[in-house]
C-alpha atoms as a PDB file:
ATOM      1  CA  VAL A   1     105.523  19.401  22.117  1.00  0.00           C
ATOM      2  CA  LEU A   2     108.180  18.180  19.685  1.00  0.00           C
ATOM      3  CA  LEU A   3     111.807  17.717  20.696  1.00  0.00           C
ATOM      4  CA  THR A   4     113.667  18.808  17.590  1.00  0.00           C
ATOM      5  CA  ARG A   5     117.206  19.716  18.642  1.00  0.00           C
ATOM      6  CA  LEU A   6     119.551  18.252  21.214  1.00  0.00           C
ATOM      7  CA  THR A   7     122.828  19.925  22.118  1.00  0.00           C
ATOM      8  CA  PHE A   8     125.318  17.768  23.973  1.00  0.00           C
ATOM      9  CA  GLN A   9     128.155  19.331  25.973  1.00  0.00           C
ATOM     10  CA  ASN A  10     130.966  17.765  27.926  1.00  0.00           C
ATOM     11  CA  ASN A  11     132.146  19.015  31.302  1.00  0.00           C
ATOM     12  CA  ALA A  12     135.527  20.095  29.944  1.00  0.00           C
ATOM     13  CA  GLY A  13     133.891  22.876  27.973  1.00  0.00           C
ATOM     14  CA  THR A  14     134.983  21.713  24.533  1.00  0.00           C
ATOM     15  CA  ALA A  15     132.934  22.357  21.421  1.00  0.00           C
ATOM     16  CA  ASP A  16     129.302  21.256  21.457  1.00  0.00           C
ATOM     17  CA  LEU A  17     128.272  18.131  19.643  1.00  0.00           C
ATOM     18  CA  LYS A  18     125.058  18.970  17.809  1.00  0.00           C
ATOM     19  CA  HIS A  19     122.604  16.526  16.354  1.00  0.00           C
ATOM     20  CA  GLN A  20     119.553  17.586  14.363  1.00  0.00           C
ATOM     21  CA  THR A  21     116.658  15.196  14.799  1.00  0.00           C
ATOM     22  CA  ASP A  22     112.923  15.074  15.063  1.00  0.00           C
ATOM     23  CA  TRP A  23     112.782  12.384  17.704  1.00  0.00           C
ATOM     24  CA  ARG A  24     110.054  12.753  20.272  1.00  0.00           C
ATOM     25  CA  GLY A  25     112.403  11.353  22.904  1.00  0.00           C
ATOM     26  CA  TYR A  26     115.811   9.776  23.397  1.00  0.00           C
ATOM     27  CA  HIS A  27     117.508   6.854  25.114  1.00  0.00           C
ATOM     28  CA  PRO A  28     120.540   7.366  27.418  1.00  0.00           C
ATOM     29  CA  HIS A  29     122.617   5.040  25.222  1.00  0.00           C
ATOM     30  CA  ASP A  30     122.243   7.561  22.381  1.00  0.00           C
ATOM     31  CA  LEU A  31     124.483  10.005  24.278  1.00  0.00           C
ATOM     32  CA  PRO A  32     128.151  10.252  23.223  1.00  0.00           C
ATOM     33  CA  ALA A  33     130.571   8.467  25.544  1.00  0.00           C
ATOM     34  CA  GLY A  34     131.875  10.711  28.328  1.00  0.00           C
ATOM     35  CA  VAL A  35     129.099  13.287  28.079  1.00  0.00           C
ATOM     36  CA  THR A  36     127.581  14.322  31.394  1.00  0.00           C
ATOM     37  CA  LEU A  37     125.664  17.499  30.579  1.00  0.00           C
ATOM     38  CA  MET A  38     122.890  17.748  28.047  1.00  0.00           C
ATOM     39  CA  SER A  39     121.012  20.869  27.033  1.00  0.00           C
ATOM     40  CA  ALA A  40     117.759  20.288  25.196  1.00  0.00           C
ATOM     41  CA  PHE A  41     116.183  22.993  23.055  1.00  0.00           C
ATOM     42  CA  ILE A  42     112.545  22.058  22.800  1.00  0.00           C
ATOM     43  CA  GLU A  43     110.519  23.524  19.955  1.00  0.00           C
ATOM     44  CA  SER A  44     106.894  23.670  21.006  1.00  0.00           C
ATOM     45  CA  PHE A  45     103.702  24.773  19.327  1.00  0.00           C
ATOM     46  CA  ALA A  46     100.662  26.693  20.550  1.00  0.00           C
ATOM     47  CA  TYR A  47      97.229  27.269  19.038  1.00  0.00           C
ATOM     48  CA  PRO A  48      94.421  29.804  19.497  1.00  0.00           C
ATOM     49  CA  ASP A  49      92.207  29.364  22.536  1.00  0.00           C
ATOM     50  CA  ALA A  50      89.682  32.143  21.833  1.00  0.00           C
ATOM     51  CA  ILE A  51      88.287  34.596  19.333  1.00  0.00           C
ATOM     52  CA  SER A  52      89.247  37.898  20.919  1.00  0.00           C
ATOM     53  CA  THR A  53      86.881  40.785  21.554  1.00  0.00           C
ATOM     54  CA  ALA A  54      89.466  42.879  23.409  1.00  0.00           C
ATOM     55  CA  PHE A  55      90.456  44.719  20.205  1.00  0.00           C
ATOM     56  CA  GLY A  56      86.940  45.230  18.845  1.00  0.00           C
ATOM     57  CA  ALA A  57      84.043  43.202  17.542  1.00  0.00           C
ATOM     58  CA  THR A  58      84.301  40.373  15.034  1.00  0.00           C
ATOM     59  CA  VAL A  59      82.947  41.289  11.594  1.00  0.00           C
ATOM     60  CA  GLY A  60      81.590  38.530   9.367  1.00  0.00           C
ATOM     61  CA  THR A  61      79.770  35.296  10.156  1.00  0.00           C
ATOM     62  CA  VAL A  62      81.986  32.721  11.871  1.00  0.00           C
ATOM     63  CA  ALA A  63      81.416  28.984  11.513  1.00  0.00           C
ATOM     64  CA  GLY A  64      83.419  26.439  13.455  1.00  0.00           C
ATOM     65  CA  GLY A  65      85.632  27.312  16.402  1.00  0.00           C
ATOM     66  CA  VAL A  66      89.228  27.660  17.529  1.00  0.00           C
ATOM     67  CA  GLY A  67      89.352  23.910  18.149  1.00  0.00           C
ATOM     68  CA  GLN A  68      89.606  23.478  14.368  1.00  0.00           C
ATOM     69  CA  LEU A  69      92.896  25.400  14.213  1.00  0.00           C
ATOM     70  CA  ALA A  70      95.360  22.909  15.712  1.00  0.00           C
ATOM     71  CA  LEU A  71      95.657  20.477  12.782  1.00  0.00           C
ATOM     72  CA  ILE A  72      95.882  20.606   9.008  1.00  0.00           C
ATOM     73  CA  ASP A  73      92.896  18.369   8.380  1.00  0.00           C
ATOM     74  CA  ALA A  74      90.487  20.318   6.117  1.00  0.00           C
ATOM     75  CA  THR A  75      88.324  21.086   9.156  1.00  0.00           C
ATOM     76  CA  TYR A  76      88.004  24.847   9.123  1.00  0.00           C
ATOM     77  CA  LEU A  77      87.136  27.896  11.100  1.00  0.00           C
ATOM     78  CA  SER A  78      85.487  29.952   8.357  1.00  0.00           C
ATOM     79  CA  VAL A  79      84.368  33.567   8.118  1.00  0.00           C
ATOM     80  CA  GLN A  80      81.731  34.690   5.644  1.00  0.00           C
ATOM     81  CA  GLU A  81      82.249  38.289   4.579  1.00  0.00           C
ATOM     82  CA  ALA A  82      79.747  40.910   5.653  1.00  0.00           C
ATOM     83  CA  ALA A  83      78.336  43.186   2.963  1.00  0.00           C
ATOM     84  CA  ALA A  84      80.206  46.125   4.472  1.00  0.00           C
ATOM     85  CA  ASN A  85      83.669  47.614   4.791  1.00  0.00           C
ATOM     86  CA  PRO A  86      85.432  46.031   6.570  1.00  0.00           C
ATOM     87  CA  GLY A  87      84.019  42.736   5.390  1.00  0.00           C
ATOM     88  CA  ILE A  88      86.072  40.588   7.780  1.00  0.00           C
ATOM     89  CA  VAL A  89      87.640  41.327  11.135  1.00  0.00           C
ATOM     90  CA  LEU A  90      88.759  38.246  13.081  1.00  0.00           C
ATOM     91  CA  THR A  91      91.175  38.420  16.022  1.00  0.00           C
ATOM     92  CA  LEU A  92      92.580  35.267  17.625  1.00  0.00           C
ATOM     93  CA  ASP A  93      94.254  34.909  21.031  1.00  0.00           C
ATOM     94  CA  ILE A  94      97.137  32.416  21.135  1.00  0.00           C
ATOM     95  CA  PRO A  95      98.525  31.413  24.560  1.00  0.00           C
ATOM     96  CA  VAL A  96     102.316  31.131  24.181  1.00  0.00           C
ATOM     97  CA  PRO A  97     104.226  30.224  27.383  1.00  0.00           C
ATOM     98  CA  GLY A  98     107.726  30.638  25.927  1.00  0.00           C
ATOM     99  CA  ALA A  99     109.646  32.914  23.556  1.00  0.00           C
ATOM    100  CA  VAL A 100     107.685  33.067  20.301  1.00  0.00           C
ATOM    101  CA  SER A 101     109.598  32.933  17.017  1.00  0.00           C
ATOM    102  CA  GLU A 102     107.141  32.178  14.221  1.00  0.00           C
ATOM    103  CA  LEU A 103     103.522  31.970  13.140  1.00  0.00           C
ATOM    104  CA  ALA A 104     102.374  29.486  10.507  1.00  0.00           C
ATOM    105  CA  ILE A 105      98.899  30.143   9.071  1.00  0.00           C
ATOM    106  CA  THR A 106      97.293  27.602   6.738  1.00  0.00           C
ATOM    107  CA  GLY A 107      94.108  28.394   4.844  1.00  0.00           C
ATOM    108  CA  ARG A 108      92.647  30.192   1.849  1.00  0.00           C
ATOM    109  CA  TYR A 109      90.446  33.090   0.765  1.00  0.00           C
ATOM    110  CA  THR A 110      87.774  32.493  -1.873  1.00  0.00           C
ATOM    111  CA  GLY A 111      86.891  36.116  -2.617  1.00  0.00           C
ATOM    112  CA  SER A 112      87.595  38.350  -5.572  1.00  0.00           C
ATOM    113  CA  GLY A 113      90.991  38.109  -7.230  1.00  0.00           C
ATOM    114  CA  SER A 114      91.469  41.824  -6.669  1.00  0.00           C
ATOM    115  CA  HIS A 115      90.780  41.564  -2.931  1.00  0.00           C
ATOM    116  CA  GLN A 116      92.779  40.017  -0.099  1.00  0.00           C
ATOM    117  CA  VAL A 117      92.679  39.350   3.617  1.00  0.00           C
ATOM    118  CA  ARG A 118      95.510  41.087   5.447  1.00  0.00           C
ATOM    119  CA  ILE A 119      97.321  39.425   8.371  1.00  0.00           C
ATOM    120  CA  TYR A 120      98.326  41.596  11.340  1.00  0.00           C
ATOM    121  CA  VAL A 121     100.003  40.757  14.645  1.00  0.00           C
ATOM    122  CA  TYR A 122      99.676  43.077  17.621  1.00  0.00           C
ATOM    123  CA  ASN A 123     102.944  44.790  18.569  1.00  0.00           C
ATOM    124  CA  HIS A 124     102.993  45.327  22.337  1.00  0.00           C
ATOM    125  CA  THR A 125     105.979  47.684  22.088  1.00  0.00           C
ATOM    126  CA  THR A 126     104.411  50.184  19.679  1.00  0.00           C
ATOM    127  CA  LEU A 127     100.817  49.347  20.733  1.00  0.00           C
ATOM    128  CA  THR A 128      99.809  49.020  17.089  1.00  0.00           C
ATOM    129  CA  TRP A 129      98.817  46.272  14.657  1.00  0.00           C
ATOM    130  CA  ALA A 130     101.778  45.332  12.456  1.00  0.00           C
ATOM    131  CA  PHE A 131     100.987  44.179   8.912  1.00  0.00           C
ATOM    132  CA  PHE A 132     102.848  41.080   7.740  1.00  0.00           C
ATOM    133  CA  SER A 133     101.209  39.429   4.752  1.00  0.00           C
ATOM    134  CA  ASN A 134      98.149  38.971   2.540  1.00  0.00           C
ATOM    135  CA  ILE A 135      95.994  35.920   1.973  1.00  0.00           C
ATOM    136  CA  THR A 136      95.012  36.194  -1.698  1.00  0.00           C
ATOM    137  CA  ARG A 137      92.382  34.329  -3.657  1.00  0.00           C
ATOM    138  CA  LYS A 138      92.718  30.538  -3.859  1.00  0.00           C
ATOM    139  CA  ALA A 139      89.617  28.767  -5.102  1.00  0.00           C
ATOM    140  CA  SER A 140      90.281  25.357  -3.553  1.00  0.00           C
ATOM    141  CA  THR A 141      93.912  24.910  -2.450  1.00  0.00           C
ATOM    142  CA  ASP A 142      95.151  25.940   0.969  1.00  0.00           C
ATOM    143  CA  GLY A 143      98.440  27.774   1.331  1.00  0.00           C
ATOM    144  CA  THR A 144     100.684  28.368   4.346  1.00  0.00           C
ATOM    145  CA  THR A 145     102.046  31.772   5.335  1.00  0.00           C
ATOM    146  CA  TYR A 146     105.071  31.920   7.663  1.00  0.00           C
ATOM    147  CA  ILE A 147     105.669  35.001   9.800  1.00  0.00           C
ATOM    148  CA  ASN A 148     108.838  35.560  11.842  1.00  0.00           C
ATOM    149  CA  LEU A 149     108.266  37.316  15.162  1.00  0.00           C
ATOM    150  CA  THR A 150     110.397  38.861  17.908  1.00  0.00           C
ATOM    151  CA  ASP A 151     109.242  37.750  21.322  1.00  0.00           C
ATOM    152  CA  VAL A 152     109.820  41.096  23.082  1.00  0.00           C
ATOM    153  CA  ASP A 153     107.467  42.867  20.661  1.00  0.00           C
ATOM    154  CA  TYR A 154     104.742  40.374  19.878  1.00  0.00           C
ATOM    155  CA  ARG A 155     104.080  38.443  23.084  1.00  0.00           C
ATOM    156  CA  SER A 156     102.752  39.953  26.309  1.00  0.00           C
ATOM    157  CA  GLY A 157     101.016  38.385  29.276  1.00  0.00           C
ATOM    158  CA  GLY A 158     101.666  35.002  27.715  1.00  0.00           C
ATOM    159  CA  TYR A 159      99.636  35.794  24.571  1.00  0.00           C
ATOM    160  CA  VAL A 160     100.129  36.562  20.897  1.00  0.00           C
ATOM    161  CA  HIS A 161      97.247  38.243  19.044  1.00  0.00           C
ATOM    162  CA  VAL A 162      96.757  37.768  15.291  1.00  0.00           C
ATOM    163  CA  GLN A 163      94.122  39.586  13.247  1.00  0.00           C
ATOM    164  CA  PHE A 164      92.639  38.900   9.813  1.00  0.00           C
ATOM    165  CA  LEU A 165      91.218  41.972   8.075  1.00  0.00           C
ATOM    166  CA  HIS A 166      89.372  42.440   4.777  1.00  0.00           C
ATOM    167  CA  SER A 167      89.081  46.171   4.194  1.00  0.00           C
ATOM    168  CA  SER A 168      90.169  46.677   0.592  1.00  0.00           C
ATOM    169  CA  ALA A 169      86.549  47.084  -0.550  1.00  0.00           C
ATOM    170  CA  ASN A 170      83.014  46.265   0.540  1.00  0.00           C
ATOM    171  CA  GLY A 171      82.590  42.636   1.476  1.00  0.00           C
ATOM    172  CA  ASN A 172      80.522  40.114  -0.464  1.00  0.00           C
ATOM    173  CA  THR A 173      78.498  37.473   1.359  1.00  0.00           C
ATOM    174  CA  GLY A 174      79.577  34.946  -1.258  1.00  0.00           C
ATOM    175  CA  HIS A 175      83.233  35.291  -0.202  1.00  0.00           C
ATOM    176  CA  TYR A 176      84.859  33.308   2.610  1.00  0.00           C
ATOM    177  CA  LEU A 177      88.068  33.045   4.618  1.00  0.00           C
ATOM    178  CA  TYR A 178      88.914  29.455   5.552  1.00  0.00           C
ATOM    179  CA  LEU A 179      91.503  28.820   8.300  1.00  0.00           C
ATOM    180  CA  ASP A 180      92.710  25.258   8.758  1.00  0.00           C
ATOM    181  CA  ARG A 181      95.600  25.780  11.191  1.00  0.00           C
ATOM    182  CA  VAL A 182      97.027  28.773  13.062  1.00  0.00           C
ATOM    183  CA  GLU A 183     100.218  27.791  14.869  1.00  0.00           C
ATOM    184  CA  ALA A 184     102.742  29.702  16.981  1.00  0.00           C
ATOM    185  CA  LYS A 185     106.211  28.228  17.448  1.00  0.00           C
ATOM    186  CA  TYR A 186     108.148  28.914  20.629  1.00  0.00           C
ATOM    187  CA  ALA A 187     111.256  27.523  22.291  1.00  0.00           C
ATOM    188  CA  ALA A 188     112.266  26.462  25.774  1.00  0.00           C
ATOM    189  CA  GLN A 189     115.602  25.194  27.078  1.00  0.00           C
ATOM    190  CA  ALA A 190     116.214  22.584  29.746  1.00  0.00           C
ATOM    191  CA  SER A 191     119.519  21.261  31.098  1.00  0.00           C
ATOM    192  CA  PHE A 192     120.149  18.198  33.217  1.00  0.00           C
ATOM    193  CA  GLU A 193     122.877  15.673  33.971  1.00  0.00           C
ATOM    194  CA  PRO A 194     122.273  12.096  32.850  1.00  0.00           C
ATOM    195  CA  THR A 195     124.476   9.236  34.025  1.00  0.00           C
ATOM    196  CA  GLN A 196     127.923   9.415  32.468  1.00  0.00           C
ATOM    197  CA  LEU A 197     128.566   6.633  29.995  1.00  0.00           C
ATOM    198  CA  PRO A 198     131.880   4.802  29.972  1.00  0.00           C
ATOM    199  CA  VAL A 199     134.303   5.314  27.125  1.00  0.00           C
ATOM    200  CA  SER A 200     134.601   2.026  25.270  1.00  0.00           C
END
C-alpha cells in the first residue's frame, strides 16, 4: 500500500490544499496550521492470487507461479506455446478490494514477429472478454502495458480477471510468454481529524 496523495481541508470549507507526494506516511507537524480535517486518498496495488480455471482450461505449459507477478525482478511466470490454435490461454484472478482504475502488465513475448499475445479483461456488465492490447515480439527486453479500467464493469465479487490469448495462428513450442509483474491499481479514501495545530 502506497500513500500517494493527501488532500487537506479546513473546517471552514475553503478550497482544498493539495500536496502530491509519494511518502509512505506523514507526521502531524507536516499539516498546515489550522487544519483539522484530513482526507487521504490511498493508492493501493493488488496482484494475482491464482491461475483461473473458471473461464476454461489453461493452454500452454506454465512454469513458475503467481507469486512471481508482484515485483519487476526478472523472475517470471512463463507460458510455453502449445503446438495448436490457440497456442496460449492464461487467465489470472486478481483480488481487488477497492475501486480498480488501472492494470499494469510487464513482460514480453518471444514468438514470431507476425504473431502476438492479446490481452483481455472480463467485462462483468456485458459478460464478455474485452480486448485491450497486444504483447508483440520482444526478444529480450520487457515492456509495460497500461490499461485503464472502469470499476463498475471490470470488478465483481472483489476480483478482476485478465486473460492472455495467442490465437492468431498455430502455436510453436519454441515460443514463450514471459510475465514479470501483473498489477492492478485501486483507490480507497479515509478521513479523520488530527489534533489542530496552532497558527504561529
